Amino acid sequence: MIETGLGQFEALVVERERENKSRQTRLYVAPSLDYLLVKIEHQESRLMKIVATLKTMDYQLLGD
């Protein structure tokens, strides 16, 4: 479960594999939103980490 500005979403995690283990990138996609990206985490080093989370959305699923 991922907490966003729009509430909680069940998410699948996609992680990029790297040789340098101090660098990590994780993408969180929500199946209920047609696999829309709801969060991304990127760690470049022990000192630098970036996190972006869905805050607002102007998007409609077909059929809803």
PDB file of N, CA and C in Angstrom:
ATOM      1  N   MET A   1       0.845  -1.182   0.000  1.00  0.00           N
ATOM      2  CA  MET A   1       0.000   0.000   0.000  1.00  0.00           C
ATOM      3  C   MET A   1       0.893   1.249   0.000  1.00  0.00           C
ATOM      4  N   ILE A   2       0.541   2.172  -0.871  1.00  0.00           N
ATOM      5  CA  ILE A   2       1.278   3.424  -0.997  1.00  0.00           C
ATOM      6  C   ILE A   2       0.336   4.570  -0.632  1.00  0.00           C
ATOM      7  N   GLU A   3       0.799   5.450   0.236  1.00  0.00           N
ATOM      8  CA  GLU A   3       0.034   6.639   0.619  1.00  0.00           C
ATOM      9  C   GLU A   3       0.393   7.765  -0.344  1.00  0.00           C
ATOM     10  N   THR A   4      -0.627   8.346  -0.988  1.00  0.00           N
ATOM     11  CA  THR A   4      -0.413   9.450  -1.918  1.00  0.00           C
ATOM     12  C   THR A   4      -1.304  10.619  -1.521  1.00  0.00           C
ATOM     13  N   GLY A   5      -1.201  11.707  -2.240  1.00  0.00           N
ATOM     14  CA  GLY A   5      -2.063  12.851  -2.022  1.00  0.00           C
ATOM     15  C   GLY A   5      -3.514  12.566  -2.355  1.00  0.00           C
ATOM     16  N   LEU A   6      -3.777  11.465  -3.061  1.00  0.00           N
ATOM     17  CA  LEU A   6      -5.135  11.060  -3.431  1.00  0.00           C
ATOM     18  C   LEU A   6      -5.642   9.897  -2.590  1.00  0.00           C
ATOM     19  N   GLY A   7      -4.893   9.518  -1.563  1.00  0.00           N
ATOM     20  CA  GLY A   7      -5.277   8.380  -0.724  1.00  0.00           C
ATOM     21  C   GLY A   7      -4.323   7.210  -0.911  1.00  0.00           C
ATOM     22  N   GLN A   8      -4.749   6.056  -0.401  1.00  0.00           N
ATOM     23  CA  GLN A   8      -3.909   4.855  -0.482  1.00  0.00           C
ATOM     24  C   GLN A   8      -4.237   4.042  -1.725  1.00  0.00           C
ATOM     25  N   PHE A   9      -3.184   3.458  -2.292  1.00  0.00           N
ATOM     26  CA  PHE A   9      -3.335   2.581  -3.441  1.00  0.00           C
ATOM     27  C   PHE A   9      -2.481   1.340  -3.235  1.00  0.00           C
ATOM     28  N   GLU A  10      -3.026   0.198  -3.608  1.00  0.00           N
ATOM     29  CA  GLU A  10      -2.223  -1.016  -3.659  1.00  0.00           C
ATOM     30  C   GLU A  10      -1.314  -0.866  -4.870  1.00  0.00           C
ATOM     31  N   ALA A  11      -0.039  -1.158  -4.695  1.00  0.00           N
ATOM     32  CA  ALA A  11       0.918  -0.920  -5.775  1.00  0.00           C
ATOM     33  C   ALA A  11       1.837  -2.115  -5.967  1.00  0.00           C
ATOM     34  N   LEU A  12       2.252  -2.293  -7.198  1.00  0.00           N
ATOM     35  CA  LEU A  12       3.297  -3.251  -7.544  1.00  0.00           C
ATOM     36  C   LEU A  12       4.606  -2.483  -7.601  1.00  0.00           C
ATOM     37  N   VAL A  13       5.692  -3.137  -7.209  1.00  0.00           N
ATOM     38  CA  VAL A  13       6.997  -2.483  -7.172  1.00  0.00           C
ATOM     39  C   VAL A  13       7.866  -3.048  -8.293  1.00  0.00           C
ATOM     40  N   VAL A  14       8.427  -2.149  -9.073  1.00  0.00           N
ATOM     41  CA  VAL A  14       9.381  -2.509 -10.121  1.00  0.00           C
ATOM     42  C   VAL A  14      10.707  -1.898  -9.713  1.00  0.00           C
ATOM     43  N   GLU A  15      11.736  -2.733  -9.583  1.00  0.00           N
ATOM     44  CA  GLU A  15      13.037  -2.235  -9.149  1.00  0.00           C
ATOM     45  C   GLU A  15      14.072  -2.513 -10.224  1.00  0.00           C
ATOM     46  N   ARG A  16      14.845  -1.512 -10.546  1.00  0.00           N
ATOM     47  CA  ARG A  16      15.914  -1.664 -11.525  1.00  0.00           C
ATOM     48  C   ARG A  16      17.116  -2.306 -10.857  1.00  0.00           C
ATOM     49  N   GLU A  17      17.642  -3.357 -11.470  1.00  0.00           N
ATOM     50  CA  GLU A  17      18.835  -4.013 -10.940  1.00  0.00           C
ATOM     51  C   GLU A  17      20.075  -3.305 -11.474  1.00  0.00           C
ATOM     52  N   ARG A  18      21.007  -3.050 -10.574  1.00  0.00           N
ATOM     53  CA  ARG A  18      22.253  -2.358 -10.936  1.00  0.00           C
ATOM     54  C   ARG A  18      23.445  -3.099 -10.338  1.00  0.00           C
ATOM     55  N   GLU A  19      24.580  -2.949 -10.974  1.00  0.00           N
ATOM     56  CA  GLU A  19      25.808  -3.514 -10.426  1.00  0.00           C
ATOM     57  C   GLU A  19      26.224  -2.760  -9.172  1.00  0.00           C
ATOM     58  N   ASN A  20      26.061  -1.441  -9.203  1.00  0.00           N
ATOM     59  CA  ASN A  20      26.393  -0.597  -8.058  1.00  0.00           C
ATOM     60  C   ASN A  20      25.204  -0.641  -7.091  1.00  0.00           C
ATOM     61  N   LYS A  21      25.321  -1.363  -6.007  1.00  0.00           N
ATOM     62  CA  LYS A  21      24.206  -1.573  -5.079  1.00  0.00           C
ATOM     63  C   LYS A  21      23.813  -0.318  -4.306  1.00  0.00           C
ATOM     64  N   SER A  22      24.668   0.723  -4.297  1.00  0.00           N
ATOM     65  CA  SER A  22      24.296   1.958  -3.596  1.00  0.00           C
ATOM     66  C   SER A  22      23.303   2.787  -4.423  1.00  0.00           C
ATOM     67  N   ARG A  23      23.172   2.488  -5.709  1.00  0.00           N
ATOM     68  CA  ARG A  23      22.192   3.162  -6.574  1.00  0.00           C
ATOM     69  C   ARG A  23      20.965   2.279  -6.711  1.00  0.00           C
ATOM     70  N   GLN A  24      19.808   2.826  -6.426  1.00  0.00           N
ATOM     71  CA  GLN A  24      18.562   2.063  -6.521  1.00  0.00           C
ATOM     72  C   GLN A  24      17.473   2.930  -7.128  1.00  0.00           C
ATOM     73  N   THR A  25      16.641   2.317  -7.950  1.00  0.00           N
ATOM     74  CA  THR A  25      15.464   2.996  -8.492  1.00  0.00           C
ATOM     75  C   THR A  25      14.283   2.054  -8.342  1.00  0.00           C
ATOM     76  N   ARG A  26      13.218   2.556  -7.693  1.00  0.00           N
ATOM     77  CA  ARG A  26      11.987   1.776  -7.513  1.00  0.00           C
ATOM     78  C   ARG A  26      10.818   2.565  -8.065  1.00  0.00           C
ATOM     79  N   LEU A  27       9.995   1.886  -8.854  1.00  0.00           N
ATOM     80  CA  LEU A  27       8.779   2.465  -9.396  1.00  0.00           C
ATOM     81  C   LEU A  27       7.595   1.733  -8.767  1.00  0.00           C
ATOM     82  N   TYR A  28       6.585   2.483  -8.355  1.00  0.00           N
ATOM     83  CA  TYR A  28       5.380   1.905  -7.754  1.00  0.00           C
ATOM     84  C   TYR A  28       4.217   2.202  -8.693  1.00  0.00           C
ATOM     85  N   VAL A  29       3.568   1.164  -9.209  1.00  0.00           N
ATOM     86  CA  VAL A  29       2.452   1.333 -10.137  1.00  0.00           C
ATOM     87  C   VAL A  29       1.191   0.739  -9.527  1.00  0.00           C
ATOM     88  N   ALA A  30       0.065   1.398  -9.766  1.00  0.00           N
ATOM     89  CA  ALA A  30      -1.207   0.993  -9.166  1.00  0.00           C
ATOM     90  C   ALA A  30      -2.073   0.266 -10.197  1.00  0.00           C
ATOM     91  N   PRO A  31      -2.305  -1.041 -10.016  1.00  0.00           N
ATOM     92  CA  PRO A  31      -3.178  -1.773 -10.935  1.00  0.00           C
ATOM     93  C   PRO A  31      -4.577  -1.166 -11.040  1.00  0.00           C
ATOM     94  N   SER A  32      -5.101  -0.624  -9.943  1.00  0.00           N
ATOM     95  CA  SER A  32      -6.454  -0.046  -9.969  1.00  0.00           C
ATOM     96  C   SER A  32      -6.535   1.235 -10.799  1.00  0.00           C
ATOM     97  N   LEU A  33      -5.384   1.821 -11.116  1.00  0.00           N
ATOM     98  CA  LEU A  33      -5.315   3.024 -11.959  1.00  0.00           C
ATOM     99  C   LEU A  33      -4.695   2.694 -13.313  1.00  0.00           C
ATOM    100  N   ASP A  34      -4.920   1.476 -13.776  1.00  0.00           N
ATOM    101  CA  ASP A  34      -4.395   1.043 -15.077  1.00  0.00           C
ATOM    102  C   ASP A  34      -2.871   1.105 -15.106  1.00  0.00           C
ATOM    103  N   TYR A  35      -2.252   0.740 -13.975  1.00  0.00           N
ATOM    104  CA  TYR A  35      -0.791   0.675 -13.801  1.00  0.00           C
ATOM    105  C   TYR A  35      -0.112   2.038 -13.923  1.00  0.00           C
ATOM    106  N   LEU A  36      -0.809   3.067 -13.503  1.00  0.00           N
ATOM    107  CA  LEU A  36      -0.248   4.409 -13.471  1.00  0.00           C
ATOM    108  C   LEU A  36       0.838   4.483 -12.397  1.00  0.00           C
ATOM    109  N   LEU A  37       1.903   5.195 -12.693  1.00  0.00           N
ATOM    110  CA  LEU A  37       2.977   5.411 -11.722  1.00  0.00           C
ATOM    111  C   LEU A  37       2.466   6.302 -10.600  1.00  0.00           C
ATOM    112  N   VAL A  38       2.523   5.820  -9.344  1.00  0.00           N
ATOM    113  CA  VAL A  38       2.044   6.607  -8.210  1.00  0.00           C
ATOM    114  C   VAL A  38       3.182   7.054  -7.291  1.00  0.00           C
ATOM    115  N   LYS A  39       4.347   6.431  -7.440  1.00  0.00           N
ATOM    116  CA  LYS A  39       5.495   6.835  -6.623  1.00  0.00           C
ATOM    117  C   LYS A  39       6.773   6.358  -7.299  1.00  0.00           C
ATOM    118  N   ILE A  40       7.820   7.150  -7.142  1.00  0.00           N
ATOM    119  CA  ILE A  40       9.149   6.754  -7.606  1.00  0.00           C
ATOM    120  C   ILE A  40      10.155   7.117  -6.525  1.00  0.00           C
ATOM    121  N   GLU A  41      11.094   6.225  -6.287  1.00  0.00           N
ATOM    122  CA  GLU A  41      12.189   6.466  -5.351  1.00  0.00           C
ATOM    123  C   GLU A  41      13.489   6.217  -6.099  1.00  0.00           C
ATOM    124  N   HIS A  42      14.403   7.144  -5.978  1.00  0.00           N
ATOM    125  CA  HIS A  42      15.724   6.961  -6.590  1.00  0.00           C
ATOM    126  C   HIS A  42      16.781   7.343  -5.570  1.00  0.00           C
ATOM    127  N   GLN A  43      17.699   6.432  -5.351  1.00  0.00           N
ATOM    128  CA  GLN A  43      18.813   6.692  -4.442  1.00  0.00           C
ATOM    129  C   GLN A  43      20.093   6.621  -5.256  1.00  0.00           C
ATOM    130  N   GLU A  44      20.754   7.760  -5.342  1.00  0.00           N
ATOM    131  CA  GLU A  44      22.000   7.860  -6.114  1.00  0.00           C
ATOM    132  C   GLU A  44      23.196   7.432  -5.279  1.00  0.00           C
ATOM    133  N   SER A  45      23.136   7.743  -3.987  1.00  0.00           N
ATOM    134  CA  SER A  45      24.207   7.392  -3.055  1.00  0.00           C
ATOM    135  C   SER A  45      23.615   7.389  -1.654  1.00  0.00           C
ATOM    136  N   ARG A  46      24.442   7.123  -0.659  1.00  0.00           N
ATOM    137  CA  ARG A  46      23.950   7.157   0.726  1.00  0.00           C
ATOM    138  C   ARG A  46      23.500   8.551   1.131  1.00  0.00           C
ATOM    139  N   LEU A  47      24.000   9.574   0.438  1.00  0.00           N
ATOM    140  CA  LEU A  47      23.685  10.954   0.798  1.00  0.00           C
ATOM    141  C   LEU A  47      22.572  11.587  -0.035  1.00  0.00           C
ATOM    142  N   MET A  48      22.202  10.986  -1.157  1.00  0.00           N
ATOM    143  CA  MET A  48      21.204  11.597  -2.027  1.00  0.00           C
ATOM    144  C   MET A  48      20.088  10.624  -2.376  1.00  0.00           C
ATOM    145  N   LYS A  49      18.879  10.947  -1.935  1.00  0.00           N
ATOM    146  CA  LYS A  49      17.701  10.134  -2.233  1.00  0.00           C
ATOM    147  C   LYS A  49      16.574  11.061  -2.667  1.00  0.00           C
ATOM    148  N   ILE A  50      15.895  10.707  -3.752  1.00  0.00           N
ATOM    149  CA  ILE A  50      14.782  11.486  -4.288  1.00  0.00           C
ATOM    150  C   ILE A  50      13.532  10.620  -4.246  1.00  0.00           C
ATOM    151  N   VAL A  51      12.425  11.196  -3.745  1.00  0.00           N
ATOM    152  CA  VAL A  51      11.143  10.494  -3.716  1.00  0.00           C
ATOM    153  C   VAL A  51      10.089  11.433  -4.282  1.00  0.00           C
ATOM    154  N   ALA A  52       9.303  10.942  -5.239  1.00  0.00           N
ATOM    155  CA  ALA A  52       8.186  11.706  -5.796  1.00  0.00           C
ATOM    156  C   ALA A  52       6.944  10.836  -5.694  1.00  0.00           C
ATOM    157  N   THR A  53       5.858  11.424  -5.188  1.00  0.00           N
ATOM    158  CA  THR A  53       4.608  10.698  -4.980  1.00  0.00           C
ATOM    159  C   THR A  53       3.470  11.457  -5.648  1.00  0.00           C
ATOM    160  N   LEU A  54       2.534  10.728  -6.221  1.00  0.00           N
ATOM    161  CA  LEU A  54       1.366  11.317  -6.868  1.00  0.00           C
ATOM    162  C   LEU A  54       0.620  12.224  -5.893  1.00  0.00           C
ATOM    163  N   LYS A  55       0.371  13.446  -6.321  1.00  0.00           N
ATOM    164  CA  LYS A  55      -0.340  14.397  -5.475  1.00  0.00           C
ATOM    165  C   LYS A  55      -1.730  14.691  -6.045  1.00  0.00           C
ATOM    166  N   THR A  56      -1.796  14.968  -7.328  1.00  0.00           N
ATOM    167  CA  THR A  56      -3.067  15.203  -8.000  1.00  0.00           C
ATOM    168  C   THR A  56      -3.052  14.482  -9.339  1.00  0.00           C
ATOM    169  N   MET A  57      -4.247  14.361  -9.928  1.00  0.00           N
ATOM    170  CA  MET A  57      -4.328  13.621 -11.186  1.00  0.00           C
ATOM    171  C   MET A  57      -5.511  14.130 -11.983  1.00  0.00           C
ATOM    172  N   ASP A  58      -5.318  14.306 -13.265  1.00  0.00           N
ATOM    173  CA  ASP A  58      -6.376  14.641 -14.198  1.00  0.00           C
ATOM    174  C   ASP A  58      -6.409  13.510 -15.218  1.00  0.00           C
ATOM    175  N   TYR A  59      -7.077  12.429 -14.844  1.00  0.00           N
ATOM    176  CA  TYR A  59      -6.993  11.170 -15.591  1.00  0.00           C
ATOM    177  C   TYR A  59      -8.280  10.396 -15.351  1.00  0.00           C
ATOM    178  N   GLN A  60      -8.835   9.805 -16.396  1.00  0.00           N
ATOM    179  CA  GLN A  60     -10.012   8.968 -16.229  1.00  0.00           C
ATOM    180  C   GLN A  60      -9.768   7.627 -16.887  1.00  0.00           C
ATOM    181  N   LEU A  61     -10.144   6.571 -16.194  1.00  0.00           N
ATOM    182  CA  LEU A  61     -10.063   5.235 -16.771  1.00  0.00           C
ATOM    183  C   LEU A  61     -11.226   5.043 -17.736  1.00  0.00           C
ATOM    184  N   LEU A  62     -10.995   4.393 -18.846  1.00  0.00           N
ATOM    185  CA  LEU A  62     -12.070   4.089 -19.768  1.00  0.00           C
ATOM    186  C   LEU A  62     -13.047   3.132 -19.108  1.00  0.00           C
ATOM    187  N   GLY A  63     -14.313   3.374 -19.282  1.00  0.00           N
ATOM    188  CA  GLY A  63     -15.323   2.482 -18.698  1.00  0.00           C
ATOM    189  C   GLY A  63     -15.770   2.889 -17.321  1.00  0.00           C
ATOM    190  N   ASP A  64     -15.133   3.868 -16.697  1.00  0.00           N
ATOM    191  CA  ASP A  64     -15.551   4.340 -15.368  1.00  0.00           C
ATOM    192  C   ASP A  64     -16.421   5.554 -15.481  1.00  0.00           C
TER     193      ASP A  64
END
